[in-house]
């Protein structure tokens, strides 16, 4: 069998959500920083939450601001 073909395995990988450790698991990295996990996802918690990744809401609001919809269709 070839040596050094498998990635390094970290059996105690820490998973961070909002700056705090929420769980540990085995992975190929020492730590993971996640935006959503089962403890914060509305499907599992029954509560709604708002996640804005990379300012997409602001981008949408800038794009469709003003009289965007009052302009006629371009032909």
PDB file of N, CA and C in Angstrom:
ATOM      1  N   UNK A   1       0.843  -1.172   0.000  1.00  0.00           N
ATOM      2  CA  UNK A   1       0.000   0.000   0.000  1.00  0.00           C
ATOM      3  C   UNK A   1       0.895   1.244   0.000  1.00  0.00           C
ATOM      4  N   UNK A   2       0.491   2.268  -0.741  1.00  0.00           N
ATOM      5  CA  UNK A   2       1.259   3.505  -0.805  1.00  0.00           C
ATOM      6  C   UNK A   2       1.160   4.263   0.516  1.00  0.00           C
ATOM      7  N   UNK A   3       2.257   4.873   0.901  1.00  0.00           N
ATOM      8  CA  UNK A   3       2.283   5.692   2.110  1.00  0.00           C
ATOM      9  C   UNK A   3       1.824   7.107   1.764  1.00  0.00           C
ATOM     10  N   UNK A   4       1.297   7.806   2.748  1.00  0.00           N
ATOM     11  CA  UNK A   4       0.902   9.222   2.639  1.00  0.00           C
ATOM     12  C   UNK A   4      -0.143   9.499   1.556  1.00  0.00           C
ATOM     13  N   UNK A   5      -1.074   8.581   1.330  1.00  0.00           N
ATOM     14  CA  UNK A   5      -2.133   8.834   0.360  1.00  0.00           C
ATOM     15  C   UNK A   5      -3.401   9.359   1.030  1.00  0.00           C
ATOM     16  N   UNK A   6      -3.537   9.107   2.317  1.00  0.00           N
ATOM     17  CA  UNK A   6      -4.740   9.535   3.020  1.00  0.00           C
ATOM     18  C   UNK A   6      -4.500  10.873   3.716  1.00  0.00           C
ATOM     19  N   UNK A   7      -5.519  11.727   3.793  1.00  0.00           N
ATOM     20  CA  UNK A   7      -5.345  13.004   4.501  1.00  0.00           C
ATOM     21  C   UNK A   7      -5.204  12.776   6.002  1.00  0.00           C
ATOM     22  N   UNK A   8      -4.630  13.757   6.692  1.00  0.00           N
ATOM     23  CA  UNK A   8      -4.486  13.676   8.146  1.00  0.00           C
ATOM     24  C   UNK A   8      -5.877  13.727   8.774  1.00  0.00           C
ATOM     25  N   UNK A   9      -6.126  12.882   9.748  1.00  0.00           N
ATOM     26  CA  UNK A   9      -7.431  12.761  10.390  1.00  0.00           C
ATOM     27  C   UNK A   9      -7.371  13.364  11.788  1.00  0.00           C
ATOM     28  N   UNK A  10      -8.318  14.230  12.106  1.00  0.00           N
ATOM     29  CA  UNK A  10      -8.425  14.841  13.423  1.00  0.00           C
ATOM     30  C   UNK A  10      -9.685  14.298  14.095  1.00  0.00           C
ATOM     31  N   UNK A  11      -9.557  13.364  15.031  1.00  0.00           N
ATOM     32  CA  UNK A  11     -10.742  12.755  15.657  1.00  0.00           C
ATOM     33  C   UNK A  11     -11.513  13.716  16.570  1.00  0.00           C
ATOM     34  N   UNK A  12     -10.884  14.802  16.990  1.00  0.00           N
ATOM     35  CA  UNK A  12     -11.536  15.762  17.882  1.00  0.00           C
ATOM     36  C   UNK A  12     -11.685  17.126  17.216  1.00  0.00           C
ATOM     37  N   UNK A  13     -12.250  17.171  16.026  1.00  0.00           N
ATOM     38  CA  UNK A  13     -12.488  18.433  15.317  1.00  0.00           C
ATOM     39  C   UNK A  13     -13.599  19.197  16.032  1.00  0.00           C
ATOM     40  N   UNK A  14     -13.335  20.456  16.372  1.00  0.00           N
ATOM     41  CA  UNK A  14     -14.330  21.287  17.051  1.00  0.00           C
ATOM     42  C   UNK A  14     -15.133  22.069  16.013  1.00  0.00           C
ATOM     43  N   UNK A  15     -16.439  22.074  16.176  1.00  0.00           N
ATOM     44  CA  UNK A  15     -17.331  22.798  15.279  1.00  0.00           C
ATOM     45  C   UNK A  15     -17.825  24.036  16.012  1.00  0.00           C
ATOM     46  N   UNK A  16     -17.555  25.215  15.435  1.00  0.00           N
ATOM     47  CA  UNK A  16     -17.915  26.489  16.044  1.00  0.00           C
ATOM     48  C   UNK A  16     -19.112  27.096  15.331  1.00  0.00           C
ATOM     49  N   UNK A  17     -20.035  27.635  16.133  1.00  0.00           N
ATOM     50  CA  UNK A  17     -21.173  28.393  15.621  1.00  0.00           C
ATOM     51  C   UNK A  17     -21.297  29.641  16.485  1.00  0.00           C
ATOM     52  N   UNK A  18     -21.253  30.812  15.867  1.00  0.00           N
ATOM     53  CA  UNK A  18     -21.299  32.101  16.581  1.00  0.00           C
ATOM     54  C   UNK A  18     -20.224  32.188  17.656  1.00  0.00           C
ATOM     55  N   UNK A  19     -19.036  31.690  17.361  1.00  0.00           N
ATOM     56  CA  UNK A  19     -17.916  31.819  18.267  1.00  0.00           C
ATOM     57  C   UNK A  19     -17.858  30.823  19.405  1.00  0.00           C
ATOM     58  N   UNK A  20     -18.790  29.895  19.496  1.00  0.00           N
ATOM     59  CA  UNK A  20     -18.746  28.908  20.569  1.00  0.00           C
ATOM     60  C   UNK A  20     -18.784  27.502  20.001  1.00  0.00           C
ATOM     61  N   UNK A  21     -18.155  26.573  20.715  1.00  0.00           N
ATOM     62  CA  UNK A  21     -18.100  25.183  20.274  1.00  0.00           C
ATOM     63  C   UNK A  21     -19.462  24.550  20.498  1.00  0.00           C
ATOM     64  N   UNK A  22     -20.041  23.979  19.440  1.00  0.00           N
ATOM     65  CA  UNK A  22     -21.354  23.353  19.567  1.00  0.00           C
ATOM     66  C   UNK A  22     -21.260  21.834  19.538  1.00  0.00           C
ATOM     67  N   UNK A  23     -20.168  21.298  18.983  1.00  0.00           N
ATOM     68  CA  UNK A  23     -20.000  19.852  18.946  1.00  0.00           C
ATOM     69  C   UNK A  23     -18.584  19.506  18.521  1.00  0.00           C
ATOM     70  N   UNK A  24     -18.207  18.277  18.704  1.00  0.00           N
ATOM     71  CA  UNK A  24     -16.932  17.778  18.192  1.00  0.00           C
ATOM     72  C   UNK A  24     -17.224  16.564  17.326  1.00  0.00           C
ATOM     73  N   UNK A  25     -16.405  16.392  16.321  1.00  0.00           N
ATOM     74  CA  UNK A  25     -16.579  15.287  15.392  1.00  0.00           C
ATOM     75  C   UNK A  25     -15.238  14.969  14.756  1.00  0.00           C
ATOM     76  N   UNK A  26     -15.141  13.906  14.028  1.00  0.00           N
ATOM     77  CA  UNK A  26     -13.928  13.576  13.300  1.00  0.00           C
ATOM     78  C   UNK A  26     -13.954  14.226  11.924  1.00  0.00           C
ATOM     79  N   UNK A  27     -12.809  14.799  11.510  1.00  0.00           N
ATOM     80  CA  UNK A  27     -12.744  15.468  10.212  1.00  0.00           C
ATOM     81  C   UNK A  27     -11.289  15.591   9.771  1.00  0.00           C
ATOM     82  N   UNK A  28     -11.101  16.133   8.592  1.00  0.00           N
ATOM     83  CA  UNK A  28      -9.749  16.319   8.065  1.00  0.00           C
ATOM     84  C   UNK A  28      -9.195  17.704   8.382  1.00  0.00           C
ATOM     85  N   UNK A  29      -9.916  18.501   9.166  1.00  0.00           N
ATOM     86  CA  UNK A  29      -9.452  19.809   9.620  1.00  0.00           C
ATOM     87  C   UNK A  29      -9.556  19.860  11.139  1.00  0.00           C
ATOM     88  N   UNK A  30      -8.765  20.747  11.779  1.00  0.00           N
ATOM     89  CA  UNK A  30      -8.776  20.842  13.239  1.00  0.00           C
ATOM     90  C   UNK A  30     -10.053  21.466  13.773  1.00  0.00           C
ATOM     91  N   UNK A  31     -10.577  22.465  13.055  1.00  0.00           N
ATOM     92  CA  UNK A  31     -11.798  23.133  13.499  1.00  0.00           C
ATOM     93  C   UNK A  31     -12.585  23.637  12.305  1.00  0.00           C
ATOM     94  N   UNK A  32     -13.903  23.721  12.487  1.00  0.00           N
ATOM     95  CA  UNK A  32     -14.806  24.214  11.450  1.00  0.00           C
ATOM     96  C   UNK A  32     -15.634  25.355  12.026  1.00  0.00           C
ATOM     97  N   UNK A  33     -15.832  26.387  11.215  1.00  0.00           N
ATOM     98  CA  UNK A  33     -16.704  27.500  11.587  1.00  0.00           C
ATOM     99  C   UNK A  33     -17.886  27.464  10.625  1.00  0.00           C
ATOM    100  N   UNK A  34     -19.089  27.262  11.177  1.00  0.00           N
ATOM    101  CA  UNK A  34     -20.275  27.090  10.349  1.00  0.00           C
ATOM    102  C   UNK A  34     -21.260  28.239  10.573  1.00  0.00           C
ATOM    103  N   UNK A  35     -22.071  28.535   9.549  1.00  0.00           N
ATOM    104  CA  UNK A  35     -23.108  29.560   9.644  1.00  0.00           C
ATOM    105  C   UNK A  35     -24.423  28.969  10.124  1.00  0.00           C
ATOM    106  N   UNK A  36     -24.683  27.722   9.785  1.00  0.00           N
ATOM    107  CA  UNK A  36     -25.933  27.053  10.144  1.00  0.00           C
ATOM    108  C   UNK A  36     -25.601  25.645  10.603  1.00  0.00           C
ATOM    109  N   UNK A  37     -26.249  25.200  11.633  1.00  0.00           N
ATOM    110  CA  UNK A  37     -26.138  23.814  12.075  1.00  0.00           C
ATOM    111  C   UNK A  37     -27.501  23.386  12.596  1.00  0.00           C
ATOM    112  N   UNK A  38     -27.683  22.122  12.919  1.00  0.00           N
ATOM    113  CA  UNK A  38     -29.012  21.616  13.268  1.00  0.00           C
ATOM    114  C   UNK A  38     -29.601  22.297  14.492  1.00  0.00           C
ATOM    115  N   UNK A  39     -28.779  22.809  15.391  1.00  0.00           N
ATOM    116  CA  UNK A  39     -29.284  23.510  16.571  1.00  0.00           C
ATOM    117  C   UNK A  39     -29.791  24.903  16.274  1.00  0.00           C
ATOM    118  N   UNK A  40     -29.487  25.431  15.093  1.00  0.00           N
ATOM    119  CA  UNK A  40     -29.957  26.769  14.746  1.00  0.00           C
ATOM    120  C   UNK A  40     -30.868  26.771  13.523  1.00  0.00           C
ATOM    121  N   UNK A  41     -31.016  25.653  12.864  1.00  0.00           N
ATOM    122  CA  UNK A  41     -31.802  25.596  11.634  1.00  0.00           C
ATOM    123  C   UNK A  41     -33.288  25.553  11.965  1.00  0.00           C
ATOM    124  N   UNK A  42     -34.106  26.368  11.290  1.00  0.00           N
ATOM    125  CA  UNK A  42     -35.542  26.418  11.586  1.00  0.00           C
ATOM    126  C   UNK A  42     -36.260  25.082  11.447  1.00  0.00           C
ATOM    127  N   UNK A  43     -35.795  24.209  10.578  1.00  0.00           N
ATOM    128  CA  UNK A  43     -36.444  22.911  10.415  1.00  0.00           C
ATOM    129  C   UNK A  43     -36.379  22.113  11.708  1.00  0.00           C
ATOM    130  N   UNK A  44     -35.263  22.165  12.408  1.00  0.00           N
ATOM    131  CA  UNK A  44     -35.081  21.386  13.627  1.00  0.00           C
ATOM    132  C   UNK A  44     -35.573  22.106  14.870  1.00  0.00           C
ATOM    133  N   UNK A  45     -35.483  23.448  14.898  1.00  0.00           N
ATOM    134  CA  UNK A  45     -35.838  24.195  16.104  1.00  0.00           C
ATOM    135  C   UNK A  45     -37.290  24.647  16.112  1.00  0.00           C
ATOM    136  N   UNK A  46     -37.904  24.789  14.951  1.00  0.00           N
ATOM    137  CA  UNK A  46     -39.269  25.295  14.875  1.00  0.00           C
ATOM    138  C   UNK A  46     -39.347  26.802  14.960  1.00  0.00           C
ATOM    139  N   UNK A  47     -38.198  27.470  15.081  1.00  0.00           N
ATOM    140  CA  UNK A  47     -38.145  28.921  15.148  1.00  0.00           C
ATOM    141  C   UNK A  47     -37.552  29.440  13.851  1.00  0.00           C
ATOM    142  N   UNK A  48     -37.984  30.612  13.439  1.00  0.00           N
ATOM    143  CA  UNK A  48     -37.409  31.196  12.233  1.00  0.00           C
ATOM    144  C   UNK A  48     -36.180  32.011  12.607  1.00  0.00           C
ATOM    145  N   UNK A  49     -35.214  32.019  11.727  1.00  0.00           N
ATOM    146  CA  UNK A  49     -34.016  32.818  11.941  1.00  0.00           C
ATOM    147  C   UNK A  49     -33.630  33.456  10.620  1.00  0.00           C
ATOM    148  N   UNK A  50     -32.854  34.513  10.710  1.00  0.00           N
ATOM    149  CA  UNK A  50     -32.462  35.259   9.527  1.00  0.00           C
ATOM    150  C   UNK A  50     -30.963  35.117   9.334  1.00  0.00           C
ATOM    151  N   UNK A  51     -30.541  34.598   8.191  1.00  0.00           N
ATOM    152  CA  UNK A  51     -29.128  34.449   7.887  1.00  0.00           C
ATOM    153  C   UNK A  51     -28.851  35.240   6.619  1.00  0.00           C
ATOM    154  N   UNK A  52     -28.040  36.263   6.728  1.00  0.00           N
ATOM    155  CA  UNK A  52     -27.666  37.073   5.577  1.00  0.00           C
ATOM    156  C   UNK A  52     -26.214  36.768   5.261  1.00  0.00           C
ATOM    157  N   UNK A  53     -25.990  36.007   4.220  1.00  0.00           N
ATOM    158  CA  UNK A  53     -24.615  35.670   3.874  1.00  0.00           C
ATOM    159  C   UNK A  53     -24.114  36.621   2.812  1.00  0.00           C
ATOM    160  N   UNK A  54     -23.052  37.297   3.135  1.00  0.00           N
ATOM    161  CA  UNK A  54     -22.339  38.193   2.214  1.00  0.00           C
ATOM    162  C   UNK A  54     -23.178  39.377   1.747  1.00  0.00           C
ATOM    163  N   UNK A  55     -24.083  39.879   2.592  1.00  0.00           N
ATOM    164  CA  UNK A  55     -24.826  41.096   2.254  1.00  0.00           C
ATOM    165  C   UNK A  55     -25.771  40.950   1.090  1.00  0.00           C
ATOM    166  N   UNK A  56     -26.347  39.808   0.894  1.00  0.00           N
ATOM    167  CA  UNK A  56     -27.220  39.591  -0.265  1.00  0.00           C
ATOM    168  C   UNK A  56     -28.503  40.391  -0.171  1.00  0.00           C
ATOM    169  N   UNK A  57     -28.986  40.616   1.040  1.00  0.00           N
ATOM    170  CA  UNK A  57     -30.206  41.404   1.195  1.00  0.00           C
ATOM    171  C   UNK A  57     -29.959  42.839   0.750  1.00  0.00           C
ATOM    172  N   UNK A  58     -28.825  43.420   1.188  1.00  0.00           N
ATOM    173  CA  UNK A  58     -28.502  44.786   0.790  1.00  0.00           C
ATOM    174  C   UNK A  58     -28.294  44.878  -0.714  1.00  0.00           C
ATOM    175  N   UNK A  59     -27.666  43.883  -1.299  1.00  0.00           N
ATOM    176  CA  UNK A  59     -27.453  43.876  -2.747  1.00  0.00           C
ATOM    177  C   UNK A  59     -28.794  43.856  -3.479  1.00  0.00           C
ATOM    178  N   UNK A  60     -29.727  43.037  -3.004  1.00  0.00           N
ATOM    179  CA  UNK A  60     -31.058  42.968  -3.603  1.00  0.00           C
ATOM    180  C   UNK A  60     -31.775  44.308  -3.470  1.00  0.00           C
ATOM    181  N   UNK A  61     -31.695  44.918  -2.283  1.00  0.00           N
ATOM    182  CA  UNK A  61     -32.378  46.189  -2.069  1.00  0.00           C
ATOM    183  C   UNK A  61     -31.796  47.292  -2.937  1.00  0.00           C
ATOM    184  N   UNK A  62     -30.476  47.317  -3.125  1.00  0.00           N
ATOM    185  CA  UNK A  62     -29.865  48.320  -4.003  1.00  0.00           C
ATOM    186  C   UNK A  62     -30.295  48.103  -5.452  1.00  0.00           C
ATOM    187  N   UNK A  63     -30.354  46.846  -5.876  1.00  0.00           N
ATOM    188  CA  UNK A  63     -30.695  46.541  -7.262  1.00  0.00           C
ATOM    189  C   UNK A  63     -32.127  46.963  -7.591  1.00  0.00           C
ATOM    190  N   UNK A  64     -33.057  46.700  -6.675  1.00  0.00           N
ATOM    191  CA  UNK A  64     -34.463  46.959  -6.950  1.00  0.00           C
ATOM    192  C   UNK A  64     -34.990  48.209  -6.243  1.00  0.00           C
ATOM    193  N   UNK A  65     -34.101  49.115  -5.857  1.00  0.00           N
ATOM    194  CA  UNK A  65     -34.518  50.344  -5.182  1.00  0.00           C
ATOM    195  C   UNK A  65     -35.106  51.333  -6.184  1.00  0.00           C
ATOM    196  N   UNK A  66     -35.830  52.279  -5.650  1.00  0.00           N
ATOM    197  CA  UNK A  66     -36.354  53.363  -6.475  1.00  0.00           C
ATOM    198  C   UNK A  66     -37.497  52.924  -7.370  1.00  0.00           C
ATOM    199  N   UNK A  67     -37.453  53.354  -8.632  1.00  0.00           N
ATOM    200  CA  UNK A  67     -38.550  53.098  -9.571  1.00  0.00           C
ATOM    201  C   UNK A  67     -38.227  51.962 -10.533  1.00  0.00           C
ATOM    202  N   UNK A  68     -37.532  50.965 -10.057  1.00  0.00           N
ATOM    203  CA  UNK A  68     -37.127  49.848 -10.910  1.00  0.00           C
ATOM    204  C   UNK A  68     -38.335  49.183 -11.571  1.00  0.00           C
ATOM    205  N   UNK A  69     -39.390  48.933 -10.807  1.00  0.00           N
ATOM    206  CA  UNK A  69     -40.540  48.211 -11.334  1.00  0.00           C
ATOM    207  C   UNK A  69     -41.491  49.100 -12.116  1.00  0.00           C
ATOM    208  N   UNK A  70     -41.363  50.399 -11.985  1.00  0.00           N
ATOM    209  CA  UNK A  70     -42.246  51.279 -12.749  1.00  0.00           C
ATOM    210  C   UNK A  70     -41.735  51.481 -14.185  1.00  0.00           C
ATOM    211  N   UNK A  71     -40.497  51.110 -14.432  1.00  0.00           N
ATOM    212  CA  UNK A  71     -39.974  51.172 -15.802  1.00  0.00           C
ATOM    213  C   UNK A  71     -40.632  50.104 -16.648  1.00  0.00           C
ATOM    214  N   UNK A  72     -40.839  50.390 -17.911  1.00  0.00           N
ATOM    215  CA  UNK A  72     -41.458  49.420 -18.795  1.00  0.00           C
ATOM    216  C   UNK A  72     -40.500  48.286 -19.143  1.00  0.00           C
ATOM    217  N   UNK A  73     -41.065  47.220 -19.669  1.00  0.00           N
ATOM    218  CA  UNK A  73     -40.227  46.103 -20.109  1.00  0.00           C
ATOM    219  C   UNK A  73     -39.386  46.530 -21.298  1.00  0.00           C
ATOM    220  N   UNK A  74     -38.159  46.069 -21.279  1.00  0.00           N
ATOM    221  CA  UNK A  74     -37.279  46.376 -22.403  1.00  0.00           C
ATOM    222  C   UNK A  74     -37.591  45.411 -23.542  1.00  0.00           C
ATOM    223  N   UNK A  75     -37.662  45.936 -24.745  1.00  0.00           N
ATOM    224  CA  UNK A  75     -37.976  45.091 -25.893  1.00  0.00           C
ATOM    225  C   UNK A  75     -36.777  44.933 -26.769  1.00  0.00           C
TER     226      UNK A  75
END
